[in-house]
PDB file of N, CA and C in Angstrom:
ATOM      1  N   UNK A   1     -69.154   6.908 -40.759  1.00  0.00           N
ATOM      2  CA  UNK A   1     -70.508   7.375 -40.588  1.00  0.00           C
ATOM      3  C   UNK A   1     -71.439   6.165 -40.532  1.00  0.00           C
ATOM      4  N   UNK A   2     -72.306   6.157 -39.548  1.00  0.00           N
ATOM      5  CA  UNK A   2     -73.248   5.061 -39.376  1.00  0.00           C
ATOM      6  C   UNK A   2     -74.616   5.491 -39.908  1.00  0.00           C
ATOM      7  N   UNK A   3     -74.949   5.072 -41.112  1.00  0.00           N
ATOM      8  CA  UNK A   3     -76.205   5.481 -41.737  1.00  0.00           C
ATOM      9  C   UNK A   3     -77.426   4.813 -41.125  1.00  0.00           C
ATOM     10  N   UNK A   4     -77.230   3.804 -40.312  1.00  0.00           N
ATOM     11  CA  UNK A   4     -78.383   3.147 -39.699  1.00  0.00           C
ATOM     12  C   UNK A   4     -79.086   4.054 -38.695  1.00  0.00           C
ATOM     13  N   UNK A   5     -78.408   5.098 -38.247  1.00  0.00           N
ATOM     14  CA  UNK A   5     -79.004   6.016 -37.279  1.00  0.00           C
ATOM     15  C   UNK A   5     -79.538   7.293 -37.915  1.00  0.00           C
ATOM     16  N   UNK A   6     -79.489   7.404 -39.236  1.00  0.00           N
ATOM     17  CA  UNK A   6     -79.978   8.593 -39.925  1.00  0.00           C
ATOM     18  C   UNK A   6     -81.495   8.501 -40.056  1.00  0.00           C
ATOM     19  N   UNK A   7     -82.172   9.584 -39.705  1.00  0.00           N
ATOM     20  CA  UNK A   7     -83.628   9.661 -39.847  1.00  0.00           C
ATOM     21  C   UNK A   7     -83.961   9.732 -41.341  1.00  0.00           C
ATOM     22  N   UNK A   8     -84.641   8.725 -41.847  1.00  0.00           N
ATOM     23  CA  UNK A   8     -84.934   8.663 -43.282  1.00  0.00           C
ATOM     24  C   UNK A   8     -85.870   9.776 -43.738  1.00  0.00           C
ATOM     25  N   UNK A   9     -86.616  10.358 -42.825  1.00  0.00           N
ATOM     26  CA  UNK A   9     -87.473  11.491 -43.185  1.00  0.00           C
ATOM     27  C   UNK A   9     -86.651  12.690 -43.645  1.00  0.00           C
ATOM     28  N   UNK A  10     -85.415  12.765 -43.205  1.00  0.00           N
ATOM     29  CA  UNK A  10     -84.549  13.861 -43.640  1.00  0.00           C
ATOM     30  C   UNK A  10     -84.315  13.816 -45.146  1.00  0.00           C
ATOM     31  N   UNK A  11     -84.298  12.624 -45.719  1.00  0.00           N
ATOM     32  CA  UNK A  11     -84.100  12.509 -47.166  1.00  0.00           C
ATOM     33  C   UNK A  11     -85.317  13.008 -47.937  1.00  0.00           C
ATOM     34  N   UNK A  12     -86.500  12.865 -47.356  1.00  0.00           N
ATOM     35  CA  UNK A  12     -87.713  13.405 -47.981  1.00  0.00           C
ATOM     36  C   UNK A  12     -87.636  14.926 -47.991  1.00  0.00           C
ATOM     37  N   UNK A  13     -87.196  15.504 -46.888  1.00  0.00           N
ATOM     38  CA  UNK A  13     -87.026  16.956 -46.808  1.00  0.00           C
ATOM     39  C   UNK A  13     -85.938  17.405 -47.778  1.00  0.00           C
ATOM     40  N   UNK A  14     -84.834  16.675 -47.838  1.00  0.00           N
ATOM     41  CA  UNK A  14     -83.752  16.997 -48.767  1.00  0.00           C
ATOM     42  C   UNK A  14     -84.277  17.051 -50.201  1.00  0.00           C
ATOM     43  N   UNK A  15     -85.050  16.050 -50.591  1.00  0.00           N
ATOM     44  CA  UNK A  15     -85.599  15.998 -51.943  1.00  0.00           C
ATOM     45  C   UNK A  15     -86.511  17.194 -52.209  1.00  0.00           C
ATOM     46  N   UNK A  16     -87.337  17.553 -51.249  1.00  0.00           N
ATOM     47  CA  UNK A  16     -88.236  18.695 -51.424  1.00  0.00           C
ATOM     48  C   UNK A  16     -87.451  19.997 -51.557  1.00  0.00           C
ATOM     49  N   UNK A  17     -86.410  20.169 -50.754  1.00  0.00           N
ATOM     50  CA  UNK A  17     -85.573  21.372 -50.855  1.00  0.00           C
ATOM     51  C   UNK A  17     -84.895  21.420 -52.216  1.00  0.00           C
ATOM     52  N   UNK A  18     -84.367  20.300 -52.646  1.00  0.00           N
ATOM     53  CA  UNK A  18     -83.686  20.227 -53.943  1.00  0.00           C
ATOM     54  C   UNK A  18     -84.654  20.554 -55.080  1.00  0.00           C
ATOM     55  N   UNK A  19     -85.856  20.001 -55.017  1.00  0.00           N
ATOM     56  CA  UNK A  19     -86.846  20.197 -56.075  1.00  0.00           C
ATOM     57  C   UNK A  19     -87.379  21.626 -56.097  1.00  0.00           C
ATOM     58  N   UNK A  20     -87.692  22.159 -54.932  1.00  0.00           N
ATOM     59  CA  UNK A  20     -88.334  23.473 -54.843  1.00  0.00           C
ATOM     60  C   UNK A  20     -87.344  24.635 -54.781  1.00  0.00           C
ATOM     61  N   UNK A  21     -86.130  24.376 -54.325  1.00  0.00           N
ATOM     62  CA  UNK A  21     -85.110  25.421 -54.153  1.00  0.00           C
ATOM     63  C   UNK A  21     -85.615  26.556 -53.257  1.00  0.00           C
ATOM     64  N   UNK A  22     -86.484  26.214 -52.305  1.00  0.00           N
ATOM     65  CA  UNK A  22     -87.059  27.197 -51.400  1.00  0.00           C
ATOM     66  C   UNK A  22     -87.524  26.447 -50.153  1.00  0.00           C
ATOM     67  N   UNK A  23     -87.069  26.892 -48.987  1.00  0.00           N
ATOM     68  CA  UNK A  23     -87.390  26.164 -47.760  1.00  0.00           C
ATOM     69  C   UNK A  23     -88.871  26.227 -47.402  1.00  0.00           C
ATOM     70  N   UNK A  24     -89.497  27.371 -47.628  1.00  0.00           N
ATOM     71  CA  UNK A  24     -90.919  27.496 -47.314  1.00  0.00           C
ATOM     72  C   UNK A  24     -91.756  26.584 -48.193  1.00  0.00           C
ATOM     73  N   UNK A  25     -91.495  26.608 -49.496  1.00  0.00           N
ATOM     74  CA  UNK A  25     -92.248  25.734 -50.412  1.00  0.00           C
ATOM     75  C   UNK A  25     -91.952  24.264 -50.124  1.00  0.00           C
ATOM     76  N   UNK A  26     -90.713  23.950 -49.795  1.00  0.00           N
ATOM     77  CA  UNK A  26     -90.370  22.566 -49.449  1.00  0.00           C
ATOM     78  C   UNK A  26     -91.179  22.114 -48.241  1.00  0.00           C
ATOM     79  N   UNK A  27     -91.315  22.979 -47.262  1.00  0.00           N
ATOM     80  CA  UNK A  27     -92.113  22.656 -46.091  1.00  0.00           C
ATOM     81  C   UNK A  27     -93.571  22.426 -46.433  1.00  0.00           C
ATOM     82  N   UNK A  28     -94.096  23.241 -47.332  1.00  0.00           N
ATOM     83  CA  UNK A  28     -95.486  23.067 -47.754  1.00  0.00           C
ATOM     84  C   UNK A  28     -95.674  21.730 -48.457  1.00  0.00           C
ATOM     85  N   UNK A  29     -94.711  21.336 -49.277  1.00  0.00           N
ATOM     86  CA  UNK A  29     -94.787  20.060 -49.992  1.00  0.00           C
ATOM     87  C   UNK A  29     -94.768  18.890 -49.002  1.00  0.00           C
ATOM     88  N   UNK A  30     -93.887  18.978 -48.021  1.00  0.00           N
ATOM     89  CA  UNK A  30     -93.705  17.882 -47.069  1.00  0.00           C
ATOM     90  C   UNK A  30     -94.755  17.925 -45.949  1.00  0.00           C
ATOM     91  N   UNK A  31     -95.323  19.102 -45.722  1.00  0.00           N
ATOM     92  CA  UNK A  31     -96.329  19.238 -44.676  1.00  0.00           C
ATOM     93  C   UNK A  31     -95.766  19.617 -43.327  1.00  0.00           C
ATOM     94  N   UNK A  32     -94.647  20.370 -43.358  1.00  0.00           N
ATOM     95  CA  UNK A  32     -94.039  20.848 -42.119  1.00  0.00           C
ATOM     96  C   UNK A  32     -93.755  22.336 -42.265  1.00  0.00           C
ATOM     97  N   UNK A  33     -93.442  22.990 -41.161  1.00  0.00           N
ATOM     98  CA  UNK A  33     -93.179  24.425 -41.190  1.00  0.00           C
ATOM     99  C   UNK A  33     -91.781  24.719 -41.731  1.00  0.00           C
ATOM    100  N   UNK A  34     -91.568  25.969 -42.107  1.00  0.00           N
ATOM    101  CA  UNK A  34     -90.254  26.379 -42.601  1.00  0.00           C
ATOM    102  C   UNK A  34     -89.181  26.211 -41.525  1.00  0.00           C
ATOM    103  N   UNK A  35     -89.464  26.562 -40.257  1.00  0.00           N
ATOM    104  CA  UNK A  35     -88.443  26.309 -39.230  1.00  0.00           C
ATOM    105  C   UNK A  35     -88.090  24.826 -39.091  1.00  0.00           C
ATOM    106  N   UNK A  36     -89.073  23.947 -39.271  1.00  0.00           N
ATOM    107  CA  UNK A  36     -88.797  22.505 -39.206  1.00  0.00           C
ATOM    108  C   UNK A  36     -87.923  22.072 -40.378  1.00  0.00           C
ATOM    109  N   UNK A  37     -88.130  22.690 -41.542  1.00  0.00           N
ATOM    110  CA  UNK A  37     -87.286  22.391 -42.704  1.00  0.00           C
ATOM    111  C   UNK A  37     -85.863  22.861 -42.422  1.00  0.00           C
ATOM    112  N   UNK A  38     -85.728  24.047 -41.856  1.00  0.00           N
ATOM    113  CA  UNK A  38     -84.398  24.559 -41.505  1.00  0.00           C
ATOM    114  C   UNK A  38     -83.702  23.639 -40.512  1.00  0.00           C
ATOM    115  N   UNK A  39     -84.447  23.149 -39.538  1.00  0.00           N
ATOM    116  CA  UNK A  39     -83.891  22.218 -38.560  1.00  0.00           C
ATOM    117  C   UNK A  39     -83.446  20.930 -39.233  1.00  0.00           C
ATOM    118  N   UNK A  40     -84.270  20.405 -40.134  1.00  0.00           N
ATOM    119  CA  UNK A  40     -83.912  19.173 -40.849  1.00  0.00           C
ATOM    120  C   UNK A  40     -82.655  19.388 -41.683  1.00  0.00           C
ATOM    121  N   UNK A  41     -82.566  20.548 -42.337  1.00  0.00           N
ATOM    122  CA  UNK A  41     -81.384  20.853 -43.144  1.00  0.00           C
ATOM    123  C   UNK A  41     -80.139  20.937 -42.262  1.00  0.00           C
ATOM    124  N   UNK A  42     -80.273  21.541 -41.102  1.00  0.00           N
ATOM    125  CA  UNK A  42     -79.139  21.615 -40.168  1.00  0.00           C
ATOM    126  C   UNK A  42     -78.708  20.219 -39.733  1.00  0.00           C
ATOM    127  N   UNK A  43     -79.674  19.348 -39.480  1.00  0.00           N
ATOM    128  CA  UNK A  43     -79.349  17.970 -39.097  1.00  0.00           C
ATOM    129  C   UNK A  43     -78.657  17.237 -40.243  1.00  0.00           C
ATOM    130  N   UNK A  44     -79.114  17.454 -41.474  1.00  0.00           N
ATOM    131  CA  UNK A  44     -78.461  16.838 -42.636  1.00  0.00           C
ATOM    132  C   UNK A  44     -77.027  17.334 -42.781  1.00  0.00           C
ATOM    133  N   UNK A  45     -76.842  18.649 -42.626  1.00  0.00           N
ATOM    134  CA  UNK A  45     -75.504  19.230 -42.739  1.00  0.00           C
ATOM    135  C   UNK A  45     -74.571  18.636 -41.688  1.00  0.00           C
ATOM    136  N   UNK A  46     -75.076  18.479 -40.476  1.00  0.00           N
ATOM    137  CA  UNK A  46     -74.259  17.914 -39.402  1.00  0.00           C
ATOM    138  C   UNK A  46     -73.968  16.433 -39.652  1.00  0.00           C
ATOM    139  N   UNK A  47     -74.973  15.698 -40.076  1.00  0.00           N
ATOM    140  CA  UNK A  47     -74.813  14.262 -40.306  1.00  0.00           C
ATOM    141  C   UNK A  47     -73.773  13.982 -41.375  1.00  0.00           C
ATOM    142  N   UNK A  48     -73.841  14.740 -42.472  1.00  0.00           N
ATOM    143  CA  UNK A  48     -72.948  14.483 -43.598  1.00  0.00           C
ATOM    144  C   UNK A  48     -71.738  15.408 -43.624  1.00  0.00           C
ATOM    145  N   UNK A  49     -71.620  16.271 -42.596  1.00  0.00           N
ATOM    146  CA  UNK A  49     -70.489  17.188 -42.499  1.00  0.00           C
ATOM    147  C   UNK A  49     -70.265  17.906 -43.822  1.00  0.00           C
ATOM    148  N   UNK A  50     -71.362  18.495 -44.332  1.00  0.00           N
ATOM    149  CA  UNK A  50     -71.334  19.122 -45.650  1.00  0.00           C
ATOM    150  C   UNK A  50     -72.262  20.332 -45.641  1.00  0.00           C
ATOM    151  N   UNK A  51     -71.819  21.462 -46.187  1.00  0.00           N
ATOM    152  CA  UNK A  51     -72.680  22.647 -46.241  1.00  0.00           C
ATOM    153  C   UNK A  51     -73.686  22.548 -47.401  1.00  0.00           C
ATOM    154  N   UNK A  52     -74.622  21.652 -47.294  1.00  0.00           N
ATOM    155  CA  UNK A  52     -75.590  21.396 -48.360  1.00  0.00           C
ATOM    156  C   UNK A  52     -76.313  22.675 -48.784  1.00  0.00           C
ATOM    157  N   UNK A  53     -76.529  22.827 -50.065  1.00  0.00           N
ATOM    158  CA  UNK A  53     -77.303  23.925 -50.658  1.00  0.00           C
ATOM    159  C   UNK A  53     -76.711  25.299 -50.395  1.00  0.00           C
ATOM    160  N   UNK A  54     -75.411  25.397 -50.308  1.00  0.00           N
ATOM    161  CA  UNK A  54     -74.773  26.703 -50.126  1.00  0.00           C
ATOM    162  C   UNK A  54     -74.488  27.286 -51.491  1.00  0.00           C
TER     163      UNK A  54
END
């Protein structure tokens, strides 16, 4: 895995999801919509080949 190509903003979204345990609230914290949070989570899952937050 080449971490140099990972969008570091995804880690901010990851932290918000982890802290809030809710995609809508995480989006409000980060300042993006819930669909954008879902998209970021999908990108994280694909990048790390892991079903995060299941």
